[in-house]
Amino acid sequence: MHLAALIVAVLGCASIVVVGTRFLLTPQRATHDFGVAADDVRALTAIKGVRDITSGAVPLVVWAATGPAALGWALIAAALTPTADAVIVLTRGGKPSTAFGIHGLTAAVLIATGLVLALW
């Protein structure tokens, strides 16, 4: 039973990576298939809001369940989000000061903190 649950969990993680990749590669279609119009800004900001809450909650659960070293690795993995956010800001006409000062700094703090927790 444990192995089956682990397989389902890994398949679920891989599947959501595919879904996220689809949103990057075919945003109109992916948004439509998600169930909202691509130009519905409120729906898109609600989607982002829920994902930001999840991005904060998951590392806390990892920490509570397994300790600081696992939290560190989770934070390092989570740095993908603000790194990608910085790239999105830079490639979509946003301010470099926002890309680096908010998103880049967030990624750096996550990586630095994560390395301290994971390796020491």
Protein backbone atom coordinates (compact mmCIF):
# COMPACT_ATOMS: atom_id res chain seq x y z
CA MET A 1 0.00 0.00 0.00
CA HIS A 2 2.84 2.40 0.88
CA LEU A 3 4.58 1.77 -2.46
CA ALA A 4 1.33 2.32 -4.36
CA ALA A 5 0.77 5.62 -2.57
CA LEU A 6 4.34 6.68 -3.32
CA ILE A 7 3.89 5.86 -7.00
CA VAL A 8 0.64 7.84 -7.16
CA ALA A 9 2.33 10.77 -5.38
CA VAL A 10 5.28 10.81 -7.79
CA LEU A 11 2.95 10.54 -10.78
CA GLY A 12 0.88 13.41 -9.37
CA CYS A 13 3.99 15.57 -8.96
CA ALA A 14 5.16 14.77 -12.50
CA SER A 15 1.69 15.48 -13.84
CA ILE A 16 1.49 18.92 -12.27
CA VAL A 17 4.89 19.73 -13.75
CA VAL A 18 3.42 18.84 -17.15
CA VAL A 19 0.37 21.01 -16.47
CA GLY A 20 2.57 23.94 -15.46
CA THR A 21 4.73 23.47 -18.55
CA ARG A 22 1.59 23.50 -20.66
CA PHE A 23 0.61 26.87 -19.20
CA LEU A 24 4.00 28.21 -20.28
CA LEU A 25 3.93 26.72 -23.78
CA THR A 26 0.24 27.03 -24.70
CA PRO A 27 -1.27 29.57 -22.29
CA GLN A 28 -4.54 30.25 -24.15
CA ARG A 29 -5.42 26.57 -24.46
CA ALA A 30 -4.24 25.69 -20.95
CA THR A 31 -6.22 28.53 -19.41
CA HIS A 32 -9.31 27.51 -21.34
CA ASP A 33 -8.87 23.88 -20.29
CA PHE A 34 -8.41 25.06 -16.68
CA GLY A 35 -11.90 26.48 -16.94
CA VAL A 36 -11.48 30.25 -17.13
CA ALA A 37 -11.07 32.77 -19.92
CA ALA A 38 -7.48 33.80 -20.65
CA ASP A 39 -8.43 37.46 -20.28
CA ASP A 40 -10.14 37.04 -16.89
CA VAL A 41 -7.54 38.85 -14.79
CA ARG A 42 -9.40 38.24 -11.52
CA ALA A 43 -9.47 34.49 -12.15
CA LEU A 44 -5.77 34.49 -13.01
CA THR A 45 -4.83 36.48 -9.91
CA ALA A 46 -6.94 34.15 -7.75
CA ILE A 47 -5.09 31.18 -9.25
CA LYS A 48 -1.75 32.84 -8.47
CA GLY A 49 -2.87 33.72 -4.96
CA VAL A 50 -3.77 30.14 -4.13
CA ARG A 51 -0.45 28.93 -5.52
CA ASP A 52 1.46 31.50 -3.45
CA ILE A 53 -0.32 30.35 -0.30
CA THR A 54 0.53 26.75 -1.20
CA SER A 55 4.16 27.73 -1.84
CA GLY A 56 4.36 28.99 1.72
CA ALA A 57 2.39 26.18 3.34
CA VAL A 58 4.17 23.20 1.76
CA PRO A 59 7.66 24.01 3.12
CA LEU A 60 6.16 24.53 6.57
CA VAL A 61 4.56 21.09 6.41
CA VAL A 62 7.88 19.60 5.24
CA TRP A 63 9.59 21.25 8.22
CA ALA A 64 6.97 20.07 10.69
CA ALA A 65 7.07 16.52 9.36
CA THR A 66 10.76 15.99 8.75
CA GLY A 67 12.88 18.75 10.27
CA PRO A 68 15.10 21.62 9.22
CA ALA A 69 17.31 19.81 6.68
CA ALA A 70 14.32 18.79 4.56
CA LEU A 71 12.95 22.32 4.92
CA GLY A 72 16.24 23.58 3.50
CA TRP A 73 15.95 21.38 0.42
CA ALA A 74 12.32 22.40 0.00
CA LEU A 75 13.33 26.07 0.11
CA ILE A 76 16.01 25.49 -2.51
CA ALA A 77 13.45 23.83 -4.76
CA ALA A 78 10.96 26.62 -4.05
CA ALA A 79 13.49 29.17 -5.32
CA LEU A 80 12.45 28.09 -8.81
CA THR A 81 9.28 30.18 -8.43
CA PRO A 82 10.81 33.61 -7.74
CA THR A 83 13.59 32.89 -10.25
CA ALA A 84 11.00 32.22 -12.93
CA ASP A 85 9.02 35.26 -11.76
CA ALA A 86 12.10 37.43 -12.31
CA VAL A 87 12.53 36.05 -15.82
CA ILE A 88 8.85 36.65 -16.55
CA VAL A 89 9.08 40.25 -15.34
CA LEU A 90 12.21 40.86 -17.44
CA THR A 91 10.81 39.28 -20.60
CA ARG A 92 7.34 40.83 -20.36
CA GLY A 93 8.37 44.47 -20.09
CA GLY A 94 8.53 44.80 -16.34
CA LYS A 95 11.03 46.83 -14.39
CA PRO A 96 14.45 45.25 -13.82
CA SER A 97 14.39 46.75 -10.31
CA THR A 98 11.28 44.67 -9.59
CA ALA A 99 12.69 41.56 -11.23
CA PHE A 100 15.93 41.68 -9.26
CA GLY A 101 14.91 43.63 -6.17
CA ILE A 102 11.86 41.54 -5.34
CA HIS A 103 11.96 38.23 -7.20
CA GLY A 104 15.72 37.84 -7.49
CA LEU A 105 16.27 38.78 -3.87
CA THR A 106 13.57 36.33 -2.78
CA ALA A 107 15.23 33.53 -4.76
CA ALA A 108 18.64 34.37 -3.27
CA VAL A 109 17.29 34.37 0.28
CA LEU A 110 15.53 31.04 -0.28
CA ILE A 111 18.68 29.45 -1.69
CA ALA A 112 20.99 30.86 0.98
CA THR A 113 18.66 29.93 3.83
CA GLY A 114 17.95 26.55 2.28
CA LEU A 115 21.67 25.75 1.97
CA VAL A 116 22.29 26.65 5.60
CA LEU A 117 19.43 24.45 6.76
CA ALA A 118 20.17 21.57 4.39
CA LEU A 119 23.92 21.37 4.82
CA TRP A 120 24.64 22.39 8.42
